[in-house]
Amino acid sequence: AKFGVMSIPMLVVIKDGNVANKAVGARPKEEIL
């Protein structure tokens, strides 16, 4: 709920305690990187 997850999988990148990036749905490794 804190991250507003409505659909999974959801990937979130946290840098220095803040959300730097996020993506919803299955993705290939290159896109995740």
Full PDB file with SEQRES, HELIX, SHEET, SSBOND, CRYST1, ORIGX, SCALE, CONECT and MASTER records, all heavy atoms in Angstrom:
SEQRES   1 A   33  ALA LYS PHE GLY VAL MET SER ILE PRO MET LEU VAL VAL          
SEQRES   2 A   33  ILE LYS ASP GLY ASN VAL ALA ASN LYS ALA VAL GLY ALA          
SEQRES   3 A   33  ARG PRO LYS GLU GLU ILE LEU                                  
HELIX    1 AA1 LYS A   29  ILE A   32  1                                   4    
SHEET    1 AA1 2 MET A  10  LYS A  15  0                                        
SHEET    2 AA1 2 ASN A  18  VAL A  24 -1                                        
CRYST1    1.000    1.000    1.000  90.00  90.00  90.00 P 1           1          
ORIGX1      1.000000  0.000000  0.000000        0.00000                         
ORIGX2      0.000000  1.000000  0.000000        0.00000                         
ORIGX3      0.000000  0.000000  1.000000        0.00000                         
SCALE1      1.000000  0.000000  0.000000        0.00000                         
SCALE2      0.000000  1.000000  0.000000        0.00000                         
SCALE3      0.000000  0.000000  1.000000        0.00000                         
ATOM      1  N   ALA A   1       0.841  -1.206   0.000  1.00  0.00           N  
ATOM      2  CA  ALA A   1       0.000   0.000   0.000  1.00  0.00           C  
ATOM      3  C   ALA A   1       0.875   1.254   0.000  1.00  0.00           C  
ATOM      4  O   ALA A   1       0.583   2.218  -0.715  1.00  0.00           O  
ATOM      5  CB  ALA A   1      -0.920  -0.004   1.220  1.00  0.00           C  
ATOM      6  N   LYS A   2       1.949   1.219   0.759  1.00  0.00           N  
ATOM      7  CA  LYS A   2       2.858   2.368   0.842  1.00  0.00           C  
ATOM      8  C   LYS A   2       3.417   2.734  -0.540  1.00  0.00           C  
ATOM      9  O   LYS A   2       3.611   3.901  -0.849  1.00  0.00           O  
ATOM     10  CB  LYS A   2       4.004   2.045   1.801  1.00  0.00           C  
ATOM     11  CG  LYS A   2       5.010   3.152   1.963  1.00  0.00           C  
ATOM     12  CD  LYS A   2       6.074   2.783   2.976  1.00  0.00           C  
ATOM     13  CE  LYS A   2       7.081   3.920   3.092  1.00  0.00           C  
ATOM     14  NZ  LYS A   2       7.980   3.751   4.205  1.00  0.00           N  
ATOM     15  N   PHE A   3       3.665   1.714  -1.366  1.00  0.00           N  
ATOM     16  CA  PHE A   3       4.207   1.938  -2.699  1.00  0.00           C  
ATOM     17  C   PHE A   3       3.121   1.995  -3.777  1.00  0.00           C  
ATOM     18  O   PHE A   3       3.431   2.086  -4.952  1.00  0.00           O  
ATOM     19  CB  PHE A   3       5.243   0.856  -3.043  1.00  0.00           C  
ATOM     20  CG  PHE A   3       6.563   1.098  -2.383  1.00  0.00           C  
ATOM     21  CD1 PHE A   3       6.823   0.588  -1.120  1.00  0.00           C  
ATOM     22  CD2 PHE A   3       7.538   1.859  -2.995  1.00  0.00           C  
ATOM     23  CE1 PHE A   3       8.025   0.813  -0.487  1.00  0.00           C  
ATOM     24  CE2 PHE A   3       8.747   2.097  -2.376  1.00  0.00           C  
ATOM     25  CZ  PHE A   3       8.988   1.579  -1.121  1.00  0.00           C  
ATOM     26  N   GLY A   4       1.862   1.929  -3.383  1.00  0.00           N  
ATOM     27  CA  GLY A   4       0.765   2.021  -4.337  1.00  0.00           C  
ATOM     28  C   GLY A   4       0.739   0.885  -5.340  1.00  0.00           C  
ATOM     29  O   GLY A   4       0.426   1.088  -6.514  1.00  0.00           O  
ATOM     30  N   VAL A   5       1.067  -0.309  -4.882  1.00  0.00           N  
ATOM     31  CA  VAL A   5       1.092  -1.460  -5.781  1.00  0.00           C  
ATOM     32  C   VAL A   5      -0.331  -1.835  -6.178  1.00  0.00           C  
ATOM     33  O   VAL A   5      -1.138  -2.200  -5.333  1.00  0.00           O  
ATOM     34  CB  VAL A   5       1.802  -2.671  -5.118  1.00  0.00           C  
ATOM     35  CG1 VAL A   5       1.761  -3.880  -6.035  1.00  0.00           C  
ATOM     36  CG2 VAL A   5       3.222  -2.317  -4.743  1.00  0.00           C  
ATOM     37  N   MET A   6      -0.625  -1.709  -7.463  1.00  0.00           N  
ATOM     38  CA  MET A   6      -1.947  -2.061  -7.991  1.00  0.00           C  
ATOM     39  C   MET A   6      -1.867  -3.313  -8.855  1.00  0.00           C  
ATOM     40  O   MET A   6      -2.858  -3.998  -9.063  1.00  0.00           O  
ATOM     41  CB  MET A   6      -2.516  -0.917  -8.841  1.00  0.00           C  
ATOM     42  CG  MET A   6      -2.770   0.337  -8.060  1.00  0.00           C  
ATOM     43  SD  MET A   6      -4.004   0.027  -6.815  1.00  0.00           S  
ATOM     44  CE  MET A   6      -4.560   1.655  -6.460  1.00  0.00           C  
ATOM     45  N   SER A   7      -0.691  -3.556  -9.405  1.00  0.00           N  
ATOM     46  CA  SER A   7      -0.488  -4.658 -10.328  1.00  0.00           C  
ATOM     47  C   SER A   7       0.914  -5.221 -10.086  1.00  0.00           C  
ATOM     48  O   SER A   7       1.840  -4.464  -9.798  1.00  0.00           O  
ATOM     49  CB  SER A   7      -0.626  -4.121 -11.756  1.00  0.00           C  
ATOM     50  OG  SER A   7      -0.601  -5.158 -12.683  1.00  0.00           O  
ATOM     51  N   ILE A   8       1.050  -6.528 -10.193  1.00  0.00           N  
ATOM     52  CA  ILE A   8       2.354  -7.146  -9.976  1.00  0.00           C  
ATOM     53  C   ILE A   8       2.722  -8.019 -11.168  1.00  0.00           C  
ATOM     54  O   ILE A   8       1.834  -8.429 -11.910  1.00  0.00           O  
ATOM     55  CB  ILE A   8       2.383  -7.968  -8.658  1.00  0.00           C  
ATOM     56  CG1 ILE A   8       1.232  -8.958  -8.622  1.00  0.00           C  
ATOM     57  CG2 ILE A   8       2.408  -7.073  -7.460  1.00  0.00           C  
ATOM     58  CD1 ILE A   8       1.259  -9.916  -7.448  1.00  0.00           C  
ATOM     59  N   PRO A   9       3.983  -8.308 -11.402  1.00  0.00           N  
ATOM     60  CA  PRO A   9       5.117  -7.849 -10.612  1.00  0.00           C  
ATOM     61  C   PRO A   9       5.353  -6.346 -10.785  1.00  0.00           C  
ATOM     62  O   PRO A   9       5.123  -5.796 -11.846  1.00  0.00           O  
ATOM     63  CB  PRO A   9       6.296  -8.648 -11.176  1.00  0.00           C  
ATOM     64  CG  PRO A   9       5.904  -8.961 -12.581  1.00  0.00           C  
ATOM     65  CD  PRO A   9       4.410  -9.114 -12.553  1.00  0.00           C  
ATOM     66  N   MET A  10       5.789  -5.724  -9.703  1.00  0.00           N  
ATOM     67  CA  MET A  10       6.191  -4.318  -9.764  1.00  0.00           C  
ATOM     68  C   MET A  10       7.608  -4.232  -9.227  1.00  0.00           C  
ATOM     69  O   MET A  10       7.896  -4.741  -8.154  1.00  0.00           O  
ATOM     70  CB  MET A  10       5.264  -3.435  -8.940  1.00  0.00           C  
ATOM     71  CG  MET A  10       5.617  -1.958  -9.052  1.00  0.00           C  
ATOM     72  SD  MET A  10       4.309  -0.899  -8.383  1.00  0.00           S  
ATOM     73  CE  MET A  10       5.199  -0.136  -7.040  1.00  0.00           C  
ATOM     74  N   LEU A  11       8.472  -3.603 -10.007  1.00  0.00           N  
ATOM     75  CA  LEU A  11       9.862  -3.429  -9.610  1.00  0.00           C  
ATOM     76  C   LEU A  11      10.077  -1.974  -9.245  1.00  0.00           C  
ATOM     77  O   LEU A  11       9.643  -1.082  -9.966  1.00  0.00           O  
ATOM     78  CB  LEU A  11      10.795  -3.821 -10.759  1.00  0.00           C  
ATOM     79  CG  LEU A  11      10.635  -5.252 -11.269  1.00  0.00           C  
ATOM     80  CD1 LEU A  11      11.488  -5.472 -12.509  1.00  0.00           C  
ATOM     81  CD2 LEU A  11      10.998  -6.252 -10.194  1.00  0.00           C  
ATOM     82  N   VAL A  12      10.737  -1.737  -8.122  1.00  0.00           N  
ATOM     83  CA  VAL A  12      11.011  -0.379  -7.651  1.00  0.00           C  
ATOM     84  C   VAL A  12      12.492  -0.278  -7.324  1.00  0.00           C  
ATOM     85  O   VAL A  12      13.045  -1.158  -6.666  1.00  0.00           O  
ATOM     86  CB  VAL A  12      10.167  -0.045  -6.398  1.00  0.00           C  
ATOM     87  CG1 VAL A  12      10.501   1.342  -5.871  1.00  0.00           C  
ATOM     88  CG2 VAL A  12       8.683  -0.157  -6.691  1.00  0.00           C  
ATOM     89  N   VAL A  13      13.114   0.800  -7.795  1.00  0.00           N  
ATOM     90  CA  VAL A  13      14.515   1.061  -7.459  1.00  0.00           C  
ATOM     91  C   VAL A  13      14.543   2.196  -6.444  1.00  0.00           C  
ATOM     92  O   VAL A  13      13.974   3.263  -6.676  1.00  0.00           O  
ATOM     93  CB  VAL A  13      15.340   1.446  -8.710  1.00  0.00           C  
ATOM     94  CG1 VAL A  13      16.776   1.781  -8.318  1.00  0.00           C  
ATOM     95  CG2 VAL A  13      15.310   0.322  -9.731  1.00  0.00           C  
ATOM     96  N   ILE A  14      15.183   1.945  -5.307  1.00  0.00           N  
ATOM     97  CA  ILE A  14      15.315   2.944  -4.239  1.00  0.00           C  
ATOM     98  C   ILE A  14      16.773   3.383  -4.181  1.00  0.00           C  
ATOM     99  O   ILE A  14      17.668   2.543  -4.070  1.00  0.00           O  
ATOM    100  CB  ILE A  14      14.918   2.350  -2.863  1.00  0.00           C  
ATOM    101  CG1 ILE A  14      13.542   1.711  -2.899  1.00  0.00           C  
ATOM    102  CG2 ILE A  14      15.044   3.412  -1.766  1.00  0.00           C  
ATOM    103  CD1 ILE A  14      12.386   2.636  -2.829  1.00  0.00           C  
ATOM    104  N   LYS A  15      17.000   4.686  -4.273  1.00  0.00           N  
ATOM    105  CA  LYS A  15      18.353   5.239  -4.112  1.00  0.00           C  
ATOM    106  C   LYS A  15      18.290   6.310  -3.041  1.00  0.00           C  
ATOM    107  O   LYS A  15      17.438   7.192  -3.099  1.00  0.00           O  
ATOM    108  CB  LYS A  15      18.854   5.841  -5.423  1.00  0.00           C  
ATOM    109  CG  LYS A  15      19.131   4.809  -6.494  1.00  0.00           C  
ATOM    110  CD  LYS A  15      19.692   5.419  -7.756  1.00  0.00           C  
ATOM    111  CE  LYS A  15      19.901   4.347  -8.797  1.00  0.00           C  
ATOM    112  NZ  LYS A  15      20.278   4.899 -10.100  1.00  0.00           N  
ATOM    113  N   ASP A  16      19.171   6.213  -2.068  1.00  0.00           N  
ATOM    114  CA  ASP A  16      19.221   7.176  -0.957  1.00  0.00           C  
ATOM    115  C   ASP A  16      17.858   7.343  -0.275  1.00  0.00           C  
ATOM    116  O   ASP A  16      17.455   8.444   0.065  1.00  0.00           O  
ATOM    117  CB  ASP A  16      19.735   8.536  -1.445  1.00  0.00           C  
ATOM    118  CG  ASP A  16      21.123   8.432  -2.061  1.00  0.00           C  
ATOM    119  OD1 ASP A  16      21.959   7.704  -1.485  1.00  0.00           O  
ATOM    120  OD2 ASP A  16      21.362   9.058  -3.102  1.00  0.00           O  
ATOM    121  N   GLY A  17      17.128   6.224  -0.127  1.00  0.00           N  
ATOM    122  CA  GLY A  17      15.851   6.243   0.582  1.00  0.00           C  
ATOM    123  C   GLY A  17      14.674   6.741  -0.222  1.00  0.00           C  
ATOM    124  O   GLY A  17      13.562   6.819   0.284  1.00  0.00           O  
ATOM    125  N   ASN A  18      14.898   7.076  -1.517  1.00  0.00           N  
ATOM    126  CA  ASN A  18      13.806   7.585  -2.356  1.00  0.00           C  
ATOM    127  C   ASN A  18      13.594   6.714  -3.587  1.00  0.00           C  
ATOM    128  O   ASN A  18      14.535   6.099  -4.084  1.00  0.00           O  
ATOM    129  CB  ASN A  18      14.128   9.016  -2.828  1.00  0.00           C  
ATOM    130  CG  ASN A  18      14.246   9.966  -1.666  1.00  0.00           C  
ATOM    131  OD1 ASN A  18      13.348  10.061  -0.849  1.00  0.00           O  
ATOM    132  ND2 ASN A  18      15.375  10.650  -1.578  1.00  0.00           N  
ATOM    133  N   VAL A  19      12.357   6.699  -4.096  1.00  0.00           N  
ATOM    134  CA  VAL A  19      12.055   5.948  -5.311  1.00  0.00           C  
ATOM    135  C   VAL A  19      12.743   6.644  -6.485  1.00  0.00           C  
ATOM    136  O   VAL A  19      12.499   7.817  -6.758  1.00  0.00           O  
ATOM    137  CB  VAL A  19      10.530   5.869  -5.559  1.00  0.00           C  
ATOM    138  CG1 VAL A  19      10.246   5.202  -6.897  1.00  0.00           C  
ATOM    139  CG2 VAL A  19       9.842   5.116  -4.431  1.00  0.00           C  
ATOM    140  N   ALA A  20      13.623   5.910  -7.170  1.00  0.00           N  
ATOM    141  CA  ALA A  20      14.358   6.462  -8.306  1.00  0.00           C  
ATOM    142  C   ALA A  20      13.745   6.009  -9.623  1.00  0.00           C  
ATOM    143  O   ALA A  20      13.853   6.686 -10.643  1.00  0.00           O  
ATOM    144  CB  ALA A  20      15.810   6.048  -8.244  1.00  0.00           C  
ATOM    145  N   ASN A  21      13.071   4.852  -9.598  1.00  0.00           N  
ATOM    146  CA  ASN A  21      12.507   4.293 -10.820  1.00  0.00           C  
ATOM    147  C   ASN A  21      11.526   3.195 -10.450  1.00  0.00           C  
ATOM    148  O   ASN A  21      11.653   2.583  -9.394  1.00  0.00           O  
ATOM    149  CB  ASN A  21      13.639   3.702 -11.671  1.00  0.00           C  
ATOM    150  CG  ASN A  21      13.429   3.928 -13.144  1.00  0.00           C  
ATOM    151  OD1 ASN A  21      12.303   4.099 -13.594  1.00  0.00           O  
ATOM    152  ND2 ASN A  21      14.514   3.926 -13.897  1.00  0.00           N  
ATOM    153  N   LYS A  22      10.567   2.948 -11.338  1.00  0.00           N  
ATOM    154  CA  LYS A  22       9.698   1.785 -11.125  1.00  0.00           C  
ATOM    155  C   LYS A  22       9.092   1.326 -12.437  1.00  0.00           C  
ATOM    156  O   LYS A  22       8.997   2.090 -13.386  1.00  0.00           O  
ATOM    157  CB  LYS A  22       8.648   2.033 -10.067  1.00  0.00           C  
ATOM    158  CG  LYS A  22       7.586   3.029 -10.347  1.00  0.00           C  
ATOM    159  CD  LYS A  22       6.619   2.989  -9.156  1.00  0.00           C  
ATOM    160  CE  LYS A  22       5.793   4.229  -9.047  1.00  0.00           C  
ATOM    161  NZ  LYS A  22       4.913   4.181  -7.885  1.00  0.00           N  
ATOM    162  N   ALA A  23       8.709   0.062 -12.451  1.00  0.00           N  
ATOM    163  CA  ALA A  23       8.119  -0.532 -13.639  1.00  0.00           C  
ATOM    164  C   ALA A  23       7.145  -1.621 -13.205  1.00  0.00           C  
ATOM    165  O   ALA A  23       7.370  -2.305 -12.216  1.00  0.00           O  
ATOM    166  CB  ALA A  23       9.203  -1.134 -14.515  1.00  0.00           C  
ATOM    167  N   VAL A  24       6.060  -1.757 -13.958  1.00  0.00           N  
ATOM    168  CA  VAL A  24       5.054  -2.766 -13.662  1.00  0.00           C  
ATOM    169  C   VAL A  24       5.010  -3.769 -14.805  1.00  0.00           C  
ATOM    170  O   VAL A  24       5.067  -3.394 -15.969  1.00  0.00           O  
ATOM    171  CB  VAL A  24       3.660  -2.113 -13.475  1.00  0.00           C  
ATOM    172  CG1 VAL A  24       2.594  -3.174 -13.256  1.00  0.00           C  
ATOM    173  CG2 VAL A  24       3.686  -1.138 -12.316  1.00  0.00           C  
ATOM    174  N   GLY A  25       4.912  -5.037 -14.453  1.00  0.00           N  
ATOM    175  CA  GLY A  25       4.801  -6.090 -15.459  1.00  0.00           C  
ATOM    176  C   GLY A  25       6.108  -6.838 -15.653  1.00  0.00           C  
ATOM    177  O   GLY A  25       7.171  -6.362 -15.278  1.00  0.00           O  
ATOM    178  N   ALA A  26       5.997  -8.020 -16.246  1.00  0.00           N  
ATOM    179  CA  ALA A  26       7.178  -8.843 -16.510  1.00  0.00           C  
ATOM    180  C   ALA A  26       8.028  -8.159 -17.575  1.00  0.00           C  
ATOM    181  O   ALA A  26       7.496  -7.607 -18.538  1.00  0.00           O  
ATOM    182  CB  ALA A  26       6.750 -10.229 -16.974  1.00  0.00           C  
ATOM    183  N   ARG A  27       9.329  -8.184 -17.377  1.00  0.00           N  
ATOM    184  CA  ARG A  27      10.274  -7.552 -18.300  1.00  0.00           C  
ATOM    185  C   ARG A  27      11.485  -8.445 -18.484  1.00  0.00           C  
ATOM    186  O   ARG A  27      11.852  -9.188 -17.585  1.00  0.00           O  
ATOM    187  CB  ARG A  27      10.763  -6.217 -17.731  1.00  0.00           C  
ATOM    188  CG  ARG A  27       9.644  -5.266 -17.472  1.00  0.00           C  
ATOM    189  CD  ARG A  27      10.136  -3.906 -17.038  1.00  0.00           C  
ATOM    190  NE  ARG A  27       8.997  -3.033 -16.822  1.00  0.00           N  
ATOM    191  CZ  ARG A  27       8.311  -2.447 -17.790  1.00  0.00           C  
ATOM    192  NH1 ARG A  27       8.626  -2.643 -19.033  1.00  0.00           N  
ATOM    193  NH2 ARG A  27       7.291  -1.670 -17.519  1.00  0.00           N  
ATOM    194  N   PRO A  28      12.144  -8.315 -19.650  1.00  0.00           N  
ATOM    195  CA  PRO A  28      13.385  -9.066 -19.837  1.00  0.00           C  
ATOM    196  C   PRO A  28      14.505  -8.461 -18.974  1.00  0.00           C  
ATOM    197  O   PRO A  28      14.403  -7.318 -18.530  1.00  0.00           O  
ATOM    198  CB  PRO A  28      13.690  -8.902 -21.328  1.00  0.00           C  
ATOM    199  CG  PRO A  28      12.919  -7.714 -21.778  1.00  0.00           C  
ATOM    200  CD  PRO A  28      11.742  -7.573 -20.842  1.00  0.00           C  
ATOM    201  N   LYS A  29      15.540  -9.225 -18.779  1.00  0.00           N  
ATOM    202  CA  LYS A  29      16.648  -8.819 -17.912  1.00  0.00           C  
ATOM    203  C   LYS A  29      17.235  -7.460 -18.314  1.00  0.00           C  
ATOM    204  O   LYS A  29      17.500  -6.626 -17.455  1.00  0.00           O  
ATOM    205  CB  LYS A  29      17.733  -9.903 -17.949  1.00  0.00           C  
ATOM    206  CG  LYS A  29      18.877  -9.639 -16.997  1.00  0.00           C  
ATOM    207  CD  LYS A  29      19.843 -10.799 -17.027  1.00  0.00           C  
ATOM    208  CE  LYS A  29      21.008 -10.568 -16.091  1.00  0.00           C  
ATOM    209  NZ  LYS A  29      21.945 -11.695 -16.133  1.00  0.00           N  
ATOM    210  N   GLU A  30      17.405  -7.227 -19.616  1.00  0.00           N  
ATOM    211  CA  GLU A  30      18.004  -5.971 -20.090  1.00  0.00           C  
ATOM    212  C   GLU A  30      17.186  -4.771 -19.603  1.00  0.00           C  
ATOM    213  O   GLU A  30      17.740  -3.762 -19.179  1.00  0.00           O  
ATOM    214  CB  GLU A  30      18.080  -5.928 -21.623  1.00  0.00           C  
ATOM    215  CG  GLU A  30      18.898  -7.037 -22.257  1.00  0.00           C  
ATOM    216  CD  GLU A  30      18.209  -8.396 -22.235  1.00  0.00           C  
ATOM    217  OE1 GLU A  30      16.989  -8.492 -22.500  1.00  0.00           O  
ATOM    218  OE2 GLU A  30      18.905  -9.384 -21.908  1.00  0.00           O  
ATOM    219  N   GLU A  31      15.869  -4.864 -19.682  1.00  0.00           N  
ATOM    220  CA  GLU A  31      15.005  -3.767 -19.263  1.00  0.00           C  
ATOM    221  C   GLU A  31      15.060  -3.558 -17.752  1.00  0.00           C  
ATOM    222  O   GLU A  31      14.996  -2.422 -17.273  1.00  0.00           O  
ATOM    223  CB  GLU A  31      13.563  -3.997 -19.709  1.00  0.00           C  
ATOM    224  CG  GLU A  31      13.340  -3.726 -21.178  1.00  0.00           C  
ATOM    225  CD  GLU A  31      11.881  -3.842 -21.582  1.00  0.00           C  
ATOM    226  OE1 GLU A  31      10.986  -3.530 -20.776  1.00  0.00           O  
ATOM    227  OE2 GLU A  31      11.639  -4.291 -22.721  1.00  0.00           O  
ATOM    228  N   ILE A  32      15.170  -4.644 -17.007  1.00  0.00           N  
ATOM    229  CA  ILE A  32      15.279  -4.531 -15.549  1.00  0.00           C  
ATOM    230  C   ILE A  32      16.597  -3.826 -15.190  1.00  0.00           C  
ATOM    231  O   ILE A  32      16.620  -2.939 -14.349  1.00  0.00           O  
ATOM    232  CB  ILE A  32      15.170  -5.924 -14.872  1.00  0.00           C  
ATOM    233  CG1 ILE A  32      13.768  -6.490 -15.097  1.00  0.00           C  
ATOM    234  CG2 ILE A  32      15.487  -5.819 -13.372  1.00  0.00           C  
ATOM    235  CD1 ILE A  32      13.590  -7.930 -14.671  1.00  0.00           C  
ATOM    236  N   LEU A  33      17.667  -4.208 -15.868  1.00  0.00           N  
ATOM    237  CA  LEU A  33      18.970  -3.594 -15.606  1.00  0.00           C  
ATOM    238  C   LEU A  33      18.961  -2.103 -15.951  1.00  0.00           C  
ATOM    239  O   LEU A  33      19.606  -1.298 -15.284  1.00  0.00           O  
ATOM    240  CB  LEU A  33      20.076  -4.323 -16.376  1.00  0.00           C  
ATOM    241  CG  LEU A  33      20.396  -5.735 -15.866  1.00  0.00           C  
ATOM    242  CD1 LEU A  33      21.361  -6.432 -16.801  1.00  0.00           C  
ATOM    243  CD2 LEU A  33      20.944  -5.695 -14.459  1.00  0.00           C  
TER     244      LEU A  33                                                      
MASTER        0    0    0    1    2    0    0    6  243    1    0    3          
END                                                                             
